[in-house]
Amino acid sequence: MRSSEGHADVNGIRIYYRLFGSGEPVLLIQGLSANCDWWGEAFLRPLAERFLLVAFDNRGAGRTTRAEGPYSISQMADDAAALMDFLGLKSAHVLGVSMGGMIAQELALRHPEKVRRLVLLVTTCGGKEQVLAKPEVYQVLYAGGENLDPKQVARATLYLLLPEGFIRENPEKMEEFVEVFLKAPIAPECFRHQLQAIINWSSHSRLKDLAAETLVITGSEDILIPPENSRILANAIPKAKLLEFPGVGHGLISQIPEQVSSAILEFLTN
């Protein structure tokens, strides 16, 4: 799949981005510690046949500037808006996964004129209204902010993203994930800045003002951001539809990429 890449000097940082396909623009926003490599060709290819996909590395992640903290979700939403301006995009469909879904919500609330339709994958409204993961999940998650061997972190992360049965049955795919994780791993201090931004953020009281037509997607086996959070979002956003995939974990774009792409295509084209 062909792509082009570049850097945008905005908001005091240099944002790395990639472009795939052609057509109406879709801005893709990744989650905690993730970067452009994490989307995967199986997920991107069907969408790129119909849309211009704009993927980028968030502040501190991947090939974007390892900016000093603190970070905030609002700040990262403004980064996304500035990237759109740099690329000459007055508006776009916006798709965010996990932390990227929080950034996408904030982008739609702060810059509503820039967001056509909104897709929120395995994400939350944050704050006291959210349903938290189990304590042992956070113990594994917080290890990403320590100065550990990146390969160890990648292997531990697998169990946050995917059901154990899927991991056992797909050892080759798991090794591919580890390789992707190691291409441009986030620095521990930047991981901590992103994580603190998540902890400090909440959108629930403002979701009634979110005007964009929205698709909320989750997996029934998500242990990192439990599916109850997507139900909360779908109930709070005026123009929201909810789609829940059974037997699927937080890393649904890796576990069932074609099914997720198909659902998104149907939403964006009808």
C-alpha atoms as a PDB file:
ATOM      1  CA  MET A   1       0.000   0.000   0.000  1.00  0.00           C
ATOM      2  CA  ARG A   2       1.502   3.288  -1.092  1.00  0.00           C
ATOM      3  CA  SER A   3       1.908   6.146   1.320  1.00  0.00           C
ATOM      4  CA  SER A   4       3.691   9.465   1.642  1.00  0.00           C
ATOM      5  CA  GLU A   5       5.122  11.005   4.772  1.00  0.00           C
ATOM      6  CA  GLY A   6       6.189  14.342   6.143  1.00  0.00           C
ATOM      7  CA  HIS A   7       6.575  16.585   9.168  1.00  0.00           C
ATOM      8  CA  ALA A   8       4.498  19.556  10.282  1.00  0.00           C
ATOM      9  CA  ASP A   9       6.095  22.223  12.466  1.00  0.00           C
ATOM     10  CA  VAL A  10       3.147  23.338  14.611  1.00  0.00           C
ATOM     11  CA  ASN A  11       2.481  24.253  18.250  1.00  0.00           C
ATOM     12  CA  GLY A  12       6.186  24.237  19.052  1.00  0.00           C
ATOM     13  CA  ILE A  13       6.713  20.612  18.001  1.00  0.00           C
ATOM     14  CA  ARG A  14       7.412  18.678  14.787  1.00  0.00           C
ATOM     15  CA  ILE A  15       4.563  16.228  14.085  1.00  0.00           C
ATOM     16  CA  TYR A  16       5.295  13.191  11.934  1.00  0.00           C
ATOM     17  CA  TYR A  17       2.448  12.154   9.595  1.00  0.00           C
ATOM     18  CA  ARG A  18       1.634   9.687   6.808  1.00  0.00           C
ATOM     19  CA  LEU A  19      -0.947   9.906   4.043  1.00  0.00           C
ATOM     20  CA  PHE A  20      -2.675   6.909   2.447  1.00  0.00           C
ATOM     21  CA  GLY A  21      -5.207   6.722  -0.406  1.00  0.00           C
ATOM     22  CA  SER A  22      -7.342   9.517  -1.812  1.00  0.00           C
ATOM     23  CA  GLY A  23     -10.821  10.975  -1.414  1.00  0.00           C
ATOM     24  CA  GLU A  24     -12.524  12.610   1.544  1.00  0.00           C
ATOM     25  CA  PRO A  25     -10.055  13.006   4.421  1.00  0.00           C
ATOM     26  CA  VAL A  26     -10.147  10.820   7.529  1.00  0.00           C
ATOM     27  CA  LEU A  27      -7.911  11.865  10.420  1.00  0.00           C
ATOM     28  CA  LEU A  28      -6.629   8.849  12.380  1.00  0.00           C
ATOM     29  CA  ILE A  29      -5.618   9.442  16.012  1.00  0.00           C
ATOM     30  CA  GLN A  30      -3.703   6.743  17.877  1.00  0.00           C
ATOM     31  CA  GLY A  31      -3.704   5.829  21.565  1.00  0.00           C
ATOM     32  CA  LEU A  32      -1.342   5.860  24.509  1.00  0.00           C
ATOM     33  CA  SER A  33       2.297   5.330  23.412  1.00  0.00           C
ATOM     34  CA  ALA A  34       1.220   4.274  19.903  1.00  0.00           C
ATOM     35  CA  ASN A  35       2.309   5.631  16.528  1.00  0.00           C
ATOM     36  CA  CYS A  36       1.519   5.348  12.805  1.00  0.00           C
ATOM     37  CA  ASP A  37       3.018   1.870  12.572  1.00  0.00           C
ATOM     38  CA  TRP A  38       0.367   0.499  14.923  1.00  0.00           C
ATOM     39  CA  TRP A  39      -2.568   0.912  12.519  1.00  0.00           C
ATOM     40  CA  GLY A  40      -1.557  -2.012  10.347  1.00  0.00           C
ATOM     41  CA  GLU A  41      -2.107  -2.508   6.633  1.00  0.00           C
ATOM     42  CA  ALA A  42      -5.034  -4.918   7.072  1.00  0.00           C
ATOM     43  CA  PHE A  43      -7.009  -2.162   8.810  1.00  0.00           C
ATOM     44  CA  LEU A  44      -5.883   0.728   6.603  1.00  0.00           C
ATOM     45  CA  ARG A  45      -6.111  -0.817   3.127  1.00  0.00           C
ATOM     46  CA  PRO A  46      -9.938  -1.032   2.812  1.00  0.00           C
ATOM     47  CA  LEU A  47     -10.316   2.529   4.109  1.00  0.00           C
ATOM     48  CA  ALA A  48      -7.578   3.890   1.815  1.00  0.00           C
ATOM     49  CA  GLU A  49      -9.458   2.565  -1.219  1.00  0.00           C
ATOM     50  CA  ARG A  50     -12.204   5.083  -0.489  1.00  0.00           C
ATOM     51  CA  PHE A  51     -10.637   7.865   1.625  1.00  0.00           C
ATOM     52  CA  LEU A  52      -7.529   9.972   2.126  1.00  0.00           C
ATOM     53  CA  LEU A  53      -6.198   8.699   5.447  1.00  0.00           C
ATOM     54  CA  VAL A  54      -4.136  11.090   7.566  1.00  0.00           C
ATOM     55  CA  ALA A  55      -2.248   9.246  10.310  1.00  0.00           C
ATOM     56  CA  PHE A  56       0.180  10.915  12.682  1.00  0.00           C
ATOM     57  CA  ASP A  57       2.197  10.376  15.851  1.00  0.00           C
ATOM     58  CA  ASN A  58       0.866  12.218  18.876  1.00  0.00           C
ATOM     59  CA  ARG A  59       2.984  14.592  20.946  1.00  0.00           C
ATOM     60  CA  GLY A  60       5.829  12.588  22.495  1.00  0.00           C
ATOM     61  CA  ALA A  61       5.181   9.382  20.525  1.00  0.00           C
ATOM     62  CA  GLY A  62       6.887   7.667  17.620  1.00  0.00           C
ATOM     63  CA  ARG A  63       8.683  10.076  15.295  1.00  0.00           C
ATOM     64  CA  THR A  64       7.045  13.241  16.628  1.00  0.00           C
ATOM     65  CA  THR A  65       9.017  15.535  18.958  1.00  0.00           C
ATOM     66  CA  ARG A  66       9.617  14.136  22.432  1.00  0.00           C
ATOM     67  CA  ALA A  67       8.224  17.296  23.952  1.00  0.00           C
ATOM     68  CA  GLU A  68       8.644  18.174  27.606  1.00  0.00           C
ATOM     69  CA  GLY A  69       5.569  17.767  29.795  1.00  0.00           C
ATOM     70  CA  PRO A  70       3.073  18.152  31.117  1.00  0.00           C
ATOM     71  CA  TYR A  71       0.717  17.177  28.263  1.00  0.00           C
ATOM     72  CA  SER A  72      -3.059  17.497  28.155  1.00  0.00           C
ATOM     73  CA  ILE A  73      -5.756  15.935  25.987  1.00  0.00           C
ATOM     74  CA  SER A  74      -6.860  19.448  24.959  1.00  0.00           C
ATOM     75  CA  GLN A  75      -3.296  20.249  23.900  1.00  0.00           C
ATOM     76  CA  MET A  76      -3.097  17.101  21.777  1.00  0.00           C
ATOM     77  CA  ALA A  77      -6.471  17.925  20.215  1.00  0.00           C
ATOM     78  CA  ASP A  78      -5.099  21.343  19.295  1.00  0.00           C
ATOM     79  CA  ASP A  79      -2.052  19.588  17.805  1.00  0.00           C
ATOM     80  CA  ALA A  80      -4.404  17.577  15.599  1.00  0.00           C
ATOM     81  CA  ALA A  81      -6.266  20.722  14.564  1.00  0.00           C
ATOM     82  CA  ALA A  82      -2.982  22.459  13.732  1.00  0.00           C
ATOM     83  CA  LEU A  83      -1.893  19.482  11.612  1.00  0.00           C
ATOM     84  CA  MET A  84      -5.157  19.730   9.670  1.00  0.00           C
ATOM     85  CA  ASP A  85      -4.510  23.421   9.061  1.00  0.00           C
ATOM     86  CA  PHE A  86      -0.946  22.651   7.935  1.00  0.00           C
ATOM     87  CA  LEU A  87      -2.292  20.115   5.421  1.00  0.00           C
ATOM     88  CA  GLY A  88      -4.988  22.492   4.202  1.00  0.00           C
ATOM     89  CA  LEU A  89      -7.866  20.385   5.530  1.00  0.00           C
ATOM     90  CA  LYS A  90     -10.789  22.561   6.603  1.00  0.00           C
ATOM     91  CA  SER A  91     -12.619  19.495   7.916  1.00  0.00           C
ATOM     92  CA  ALA A  92     -12.365  15.709   8.002  1.00  0.00           C
ATOM     93  CA  HIS A  93     -13.969  12.611   9.373  1.00  0.00           C
ATOM     94  CA  VAL A  94     -12.132  11.847  12.621  1.00  0.00           C
ATOM     95  CA  LEU A  95     -11.336   8.407  14.013  1.00  0.00           C
ATOM     96  CA  GLY A  96      -9.690   7.919  17.388  1.00  0.00           C
ATOM     97  CA  VAL A  97      -8.723   4.756  19.255  1.00  0.00           C
ATOM     98  CA  SER A  98      -8.343   4.586  23.061  1.00  0.00           C
ATOM     99  CA  MET A  99      -6.496   7.791  24.109  1.00  0.00           C
ATOM    100  CA  GLY A 100      -6.956   8.839  20.491  1.00  0.00           C
ATOM    101  CA  GLY A 101     -10.698   8.593  21.060  1.00  0.00           C
ATOM    102  CA  MET A 102     -10.362  11.039  23.932  1.00  0.00           C
ATOM    103  CA  ILE A 103      -8.386  13.397  21.699  1.00  0.00           C
ATOM    104  CA  ALA A 104     -11.034  12.964  18.994  1.00  0.00           C
ATOM    105  CA  GLN A 105     -13.813  13.888  21.423  1.00  0.00           C
ATOM    106  CA  GLU A 106     -11.882  16.965  22.492  1.00  0.00           C
ATOM    107  CA  LEU A 107     -11.207  17.931  18.877  1.00  0.00           C
ATOM    108  CA  ALA A 108     -14.931  17.670  18.096  1.00  0.00           C
ATOM    109  CA  LEU A 109     -15.808  19.780  21.150  1.00  0.00           C
ATOM    110  CA  ARG A 110     -13.081  22.428  20.739  1.00  0.00           C
ATOM    111  CA  HIS A 111     -13.113  22.610  16.929  1.00  0.00           C
ATOM    112  CA  PRO A 112     -16.555  21.365  15.834  1.00  0.00           C
ATOM    113  CA  GLU A 113     -16.237  22.920  12.393  1.00  0.00           C
ATOM    114  CA  LYS A 114     -13.314  20.600  11.644  1.00  0.00           C
ATOM    115  CA  VAL A 115     -15.146  17.327  12.339  1.00  0.00           C
ATOM    116  CA  ARG A 116     -17.548  15.770   9.848  1.00  0.00           C
ATOM    117  CA  ARG A 117     -18.335  12.332  11.287  1.00  0.00           C
ATOM    118  CA  LEU A 118     -16.708  10.881  14.380  1.00  0.00           C
ATOM    119  CA  VAL A 119     -15.606   7.285  15.085  1.00  0.00           C
ATOM    120  CA  LEU A 120     -14.650   6.433  18.688  1.00  0.00           C
ATOM    121  CA  LEU A 121     -12.951   3.072  19.209  1.00  0.00           C
ATOM    122  CA  VAL A 122     -12.474   1.424  22.627  1.00  0.00           C
ATOM    123  CA  THR A 123     -12.417   4.714  24.506  1.00  0.00           C
ATOM    124  CA  THR A 124     -13.991   6.525  27.449  1.00  0.00           C
ATOM    125  CA  CYS A 125     -15.315   9.856  28.685  1.00  0.00           C
ATOM    126  CA  GLY A 126     -12.820   9.782  31.570  1.00  0.00           C
ATOM    127  CA  GLY A 127     -13.524  11.287  34.973  1.00  0.00           C
ATOM    128  CA  LYS A 128     -15.784   9.886  37.675  1.00  0.00           C
ATOM    129  CA  GLU A 129     -18.344   8.620  35.149  1.00  0.00           C
ATOM    130  CA  GLN A 130     -15.975   6.096  33.581  1.00  0.00           C
ATOM    131  CA  VAL A 131     -15.761   2.412  34.475  1.00  0.00           C
ATOM    132  CA  LEU A 132     -12.202   1.605  35.503  1.00  0.00           C
ATOM    133  CA  ALA A 133     -10.182  -1.476  34.683  1.00  0.00           C
ATOM    134  CA  LYS A 134      -9.124  -3.935  37.374  1.00  0.00           C
ATOM    135  CA  PRO A 135      -6.115  -2.916  39.525  1.00  0.00           C
ATOM    136  CA  GLU A 136      -3.877  -5.609  38.024  1.00  0.00           C
ATOM    137  CA  VAL A 137      -4.444  -4.118  34.576  1.00  0.00           C
ATOM    138  CA  TYR A 138      -3.097  -0.758  35.722  1.00  0.00           C
ATOM    139  CA  GLN A 139      -0.071  -2.443  37.241  1.00  0.00           C
ATOM    140  CA  VAL A 140       0.877  -3.753  33.802  1.00  0.00           C
ATOM    141  CA  LEU A 141      -0.029  -0.469  32.102  1.00  0.00           C
ATOM    142  CA  TYR A 142       2.081   1.684  34.411  1.00  0.00           C
ATOM    143  CA  ALA A 143       5.128  -0.475  33.656  1.00  0.00           C
ATOM    144  CA  GLY A 144       5.248   1.308  30.289  1.00  0.00           C
ATOM    145  CA  GLY A 145       6.445   4.414  32.112  1.00  0.00           C
ATOM    146  CA  GLU A 146       9.400   2.673  33.705  1.00  0.00           C
ATOM    147  CA  ASN A 147      12.868   2.294  32.247  1.00  0.00           C
ATOM    148  CA  LEU A 148      12.322  -1.330  31.251  1.00  0.00           C
ATOM    149  CA  ASP A 149      13.416  -3.349  28.242  1.00  0.00           C
ATOM    150  CA  PRO A 150      11.042  -2.269  25.410  1.00  0.00           C
ATOM    151  CA  LYS A 151      10.636  -5.886  24.291  1.00  0.00           C
ATOM    152  CA  GLN A 152       9.442  -6.850  27.778  1.00  0.00           C
ATOM    153  CA  VAL A 153       6.981  -3.960  27.744  1.00  0.00           C
ATOM    154  CA  ALA A 154       5.693  -5.006  24.306  1.00  0.00           C
ATOM    155  CA  ARG A 155       5.088  -8.601  25.379  1.00  0.00           C
ATOM    156  CA  ALA A 156       3.301  -7.489  28.548  1.00  0.00           C
ATOM    157  CA  THR A 157       1.189  -5.033  26.551  1.00  0.00           C
ATOM    158  CA  LEU A 158      -0.162  -7.870  24.402  1.00  0.00           C
ATOM    159  CA  TYR A 159      -2.194  -9.123  27.357  1.00  0.00           C
ATOM    160  CA  LEU A 160      -3.826  -5.714  27.792  1.00  0.00           C
ATOM    161  CA  LEU A 161      -4.794  -5.507  24.137  1.00  0.00           C
ATOM    162  CA  LEU A 162      -5.882  -9.009  23.177  1.00  0.00           C
ATOM    163  CA  PRO A 163      -7.711 -11.990  24.725  1.00  0.00           C
ATOM    164  CA  GLU A 164      -5.389 -14.730  25.993  1.00  0.00           C
ATOM    165  CA  GLY A 165      -6.899 -17.314  23.655  1.00  0.00           C
ATOM    166  CA  PHE A 166      -6.183 -15.146  20.618  1.00  0.00           C
ATOM    167  CA  ILE A 167      -2.596 -14.644  21.794  1.00  0.00           C
ATOM    168  CA  ARG A 168      -2.069 -18.405  22.192  1.00  0.00           C
ATOM    169  CA  GLU A 169      -3.569 -19.196  18.797  1.00  0.00           C
ATOM    170  CA  ASN A 170      -1.627 -16.543  16.857  1.00  0.00           C
ATOM    171  CA  PRO A 171       2.036 -16.650  17.964  1.00  0.00           C
ATOM    172  CA  GLU A 172       3.308 -15.328  14.613  1.00  0.00           C
ATOM    173  CA  LYS A 173       1.019 -12.309  14.795  1.00  0.00           C
ATOM    174  CA  MET A 174       2.243 -11.635  18.320  1.00  0.00           C
ATOM    175  CA  GLU A 175       5.856 -11.560  17.147  1.00  0.00           C
ATOM    176  CA  GLU A 176       4.847  -9.145  14.373  1.00  0.00           C
ATOM    177  CA  PHE A 177       3.252  -6.876  16.984  1.00  0.00           C
ATOM    178  CA  VAL A 178       6.426  -6.882  19.078  1.00  0.00           C
ATOM    179  CA  GLU A 179       8.444  -5.926  15.977  1.00  0.00           C
ATOM    180  CA  VAL A 180       6.087  -3.017  15.255  1.00  0.00           C
ATOM    181  CA  PHE A 181       6.251  -1.871  18.887  1.00  0.00           C
ATOM    182  CA  LEU A 182      10.049  -1.760  18.733  1.00  0.00           C
ATOM    183  CA  LYS A 183      10.250   0.368  15.549  1.00  0.00           C
ATOM    184  CA  ALA A 184       9.757   3.711  17.274  1.00  0.00           C
ATOM    185  CA  PRO A 185       8.969   3.088  20.954  1.00  0.00           C
ATOM    186  CA  ILE A 186       7.868   5.972  23.122  1.00  0.00           C
ATOM    187  CA  ALA A 187      10.342   7.280  25.711  1.00  0.00           C
ATOM    188  CA  PRO A 188       9.291   6.417  29.295  1.00  0.00           C
ATOM    189  CA  GLU A 189       8.991  10.078  30.291  1.00  0.00           C
ATOM    190  CA  CYS A 190       6.717  10.816  27.319  1.00  0.00           C
ATOM    191  CA  PHE A 191       4.608   7.775  28.191  1.00  0.00           C
ATOM    192  CA  ARG A 192       4.158   9.236  31.667  1.00  0.00           C
ATOM    193  CA  HIS A 193       3.175  12.630  30.212  1.00  0.00           C
ATOM    194  CA  GLN A 194       0.532  11.011  27.983  1.00  0.00           C
ATOM    195  CA  LEU A 195      -0.770   8.843  30.817  1.00  0.00           C
ATOM    196  CA  GLN A 196      -1.101  11.847  33.132  1.00  0.00           C
ATOM    197  CA  ALA A 197      -3.017  13.679  30.398  1.00  0.00           C
ATOM    198  CA  ILE A 198      -5.511  10.792  30.339  1.00  0.00           C
ATOM    199  CA  ILE A 199      -5.879  10.766  34.121  1.00  0.00           C
ATOM    200  CA  ASN A 200      -6.550  14.530  34.245  1.00  0.00           C
ATOM    201  CA  TRP A 201      -9.200  14.562  31.500  1.00  0.00           C
ATOM    202  CA  SER A 202     -12.986  14.252  31.386  1.00  0.00           C
ATOM    203  CA  SER A 203     -15.629  14.977  28.746  1.00  0.00           C
ATOM    204  CA  HIS A 204     -18.924  13.606  30.109  1.00  0.00           C
ATOM    205  CA  SER A 205     -20.549  16.893  31.116  1.00  0.00           C
ATOM    206  CA  ARG A 206     -19.820  18.332  27.651  1.00  0.00           C
ATOM    207  CA  LEU A 207     -20.867  15.414  25.460  1.00  0.00           C
ATOM    208  CA  LYS A 208     -24.406  16.772  25.113  1.00  0.00           C
ATOM    209  CA  ASP A 209     -22.840  19.511  22.970  1.00  0.00           C
ATOM    210  CA  LEU A 210     -21.063  17.125  20.606  1.00  0.00           C
ATOM    211  CA  ALA A 211     -22.787  17.741  17.281  1.00  0.00           C
ATOM    212  CA  ALA A 212     -21.051  15.277  14.964  1.00  0.00           C
ATOM    213  CA  GLU A 213     -22.783  12.054  13.980  1.00  0.00           C
ATOM    214  CA  THR A 214     -20.825   9.434  15.921  1.00  0.00           C
ATOM    215  CA  LEU A 215     -20.093   5.709  15.769  1.00  0.00           C
ATOM    216  CA  VAL A 216     -18.858   4.159  19.028  1.00  0.00           C
ATOM    217  CA  ILE A 217     -17.105   0.785  18.708  1.00  0.00           C
ATOM    218  CA  THR A 218     -15.956  -1.591  21.447  1.00  0.00           C
ATOM    219  CA  GLY A 219     -15.086  -5.214  22.102  1.00  0.00           C
ATOM    220  CA  SER A 220     -16.824  -7.342  24.714  1.00  0.00           C
ATOM    221  CA  GLU A 221     -13.485  -8.590  26.102  1.00  0.00           C
ATOM    222  CA  ASP A 222     -11.743  -5.232  26.484  1.00  0.00           C
ATOM    223  CA  ILE A 223     -10.017  -5.336  29.882  1.00  0.00           C
ATOM    224  CA  LEU A 224      -8.164  -2.029  29.484  1.00  0.00           C
ATOM    225  CA  ILE A 225     -11.170   0.224  28.799  1.00  0.00           C
ATOM    226  CA  PRO A 226     -14.167  -1.976  29.656  1.00  0.00           C
ATOM    227  CA  PRO A 227     -17.044  -1.930  27.136  1.00  0.00           C
ATOM    228  CA  GLU A 228     -19.353  -0.225  29.639  1.00  0.00           C
ATOM    229  CA  ASN A 229     -17.452   2.955  28.794  1.00  0.00           C
ATOM    230  CA  SER A 230     -18.559   2.837  25.177  1.00  0.00           C
ATOM    231  CA  ARG A 231     -22.159   2.378  26.295  1.00  0.00           C
ATOM    232  CA  ILE A 232     -21.805   5.470  28.484  1.00  0.00           C
ATOM    233  CA  LEU A 233     -20.461   7.440  25.524  1.00  0.00           C
ATOM    234  CA  ALA A 234     -23.207   6.266  23.184  1.00  0.00           C
ATOM    235  CA  ASN A 235     -25.875   7.274  25.700  1.00  0.00           C
ATOM    236  CA  ALA A 236     -24.341  10.712  26.310  1.00  0.00           C
ATOM    237  CA  ILE A 237     -23.623  11.744  22.702  1.00  0.00           C
ATOM    238  CA  PRO A 238     -26.809  12.942  20.954  1.00  0.00           C
ATOM    239  CA  LYS A 239     -26.108  11.438  17.509  1.00  0.00           C
ATOM    240  CA  ALA A 240     -24.330   8.243  18.487  1.00  0.00           C
ATOM    241  CA  LYS A 241     -24.602   4.617  17.390  1.00  0.00           C
ATOM    242  CA  LEU A 242     -22.987   1.767  19.342  1.00  0.00           C
ATOM    243  CA  LEU A 243     -21.348  -1.328  17.862  1.00  0.00           C
ATOM    244  CA  GLU A 244     -19.949  -4.061  20.112  1.00  0.00           C
ATOM    245  CA  PHE A 245     -17.904  -6.959  18.742  1.00  0.00           C
ATOM    246  CA  PRO A 246     -18.219 -10.145  20.840  1.00  0.00           C
ATOM    247  CA  GLY A 247     -15.042 -11.943  21.897  1.00  0.00           C
ATOM    248  CA  VAL A 248     -12.811  -9.018  20.970  1.00  0.00           C
ATOM    249  CA  GLY A 249     -10.326  -7.110  23.141  1.00  0.00           C
ATOM    250  CA  HIS A 250      -8.951  -3.580  23.281  1.00  0.00           C
ATOM    251  CA  GLY A 251      -6.697  -4.200  20.272  1.00  0.00           C
ATOM    252  CA  LEU A 252      -9.633  -4.808  17.960  1.00  0.00           C
ATOM    253  CA  ILE A 253      -7.958  -3.183  14.953  1.00  0.00           C
ATOM    254  CA  SER A 254      -5.294  -5.889  15.247  1.00  0.00           C
ATOM    255  CA  GLN A 255      -7.615  -8.761  16.161  1.00  0.00           C
ATOM    256  CA  ILE A 256     -10.372  -8.195  13.563  1.00  0.00           C
ATOM    257  CA  PRO A 257      -9.087  -5.401  11.273  1.00  0.00           C
ATOM    258  CA  GLU A 258     -11.253  -6.192   8.250  1.00  0.00           C
ATOM    259  CA  GLN A 259     -14.491  -6.318  10.254  1.00  0.00           C
ATOM    260  CA  VAL A 260     -13.746  -3.012  11.964  1.00  0.00           C
ATOM    261  CA  SER A 261     -12.801  -1.321   8.668  1.00  0.00           C
ATOM    262  CA  SER A 262     -15.995  -2.627   7.081  1.00  0.00           C
ATOM    263  CA  ALA A 263     -18.151  -1.190   9.873  1.00  0.00           C
ATOM    264  CA  ILE A 264     -16.392   2.166   9.622  1.00  0.00           C
ATOM    265  CA  LEU A 265     -16.773   2.252   5.841  1.00  0.00           C
ATOM    266  CA  GLU A 266     -20.481   1.578   6.145  1.00  0.00           C
ATOM    267  CA  PHE A 267     -20.854   4.386   8.680  1.00  0.00           C
ATOM    268  CA  LEU A 268     -18.856   6.939   6.700  1.00  0.00           C
ATOM    269  CA  THR A 269     -20.419   6.226   3.314  1.00  0.00           C
ATOM    270  CA  ASN A 270     -24.128   5.919   4.215  1.00  0.00           C
END
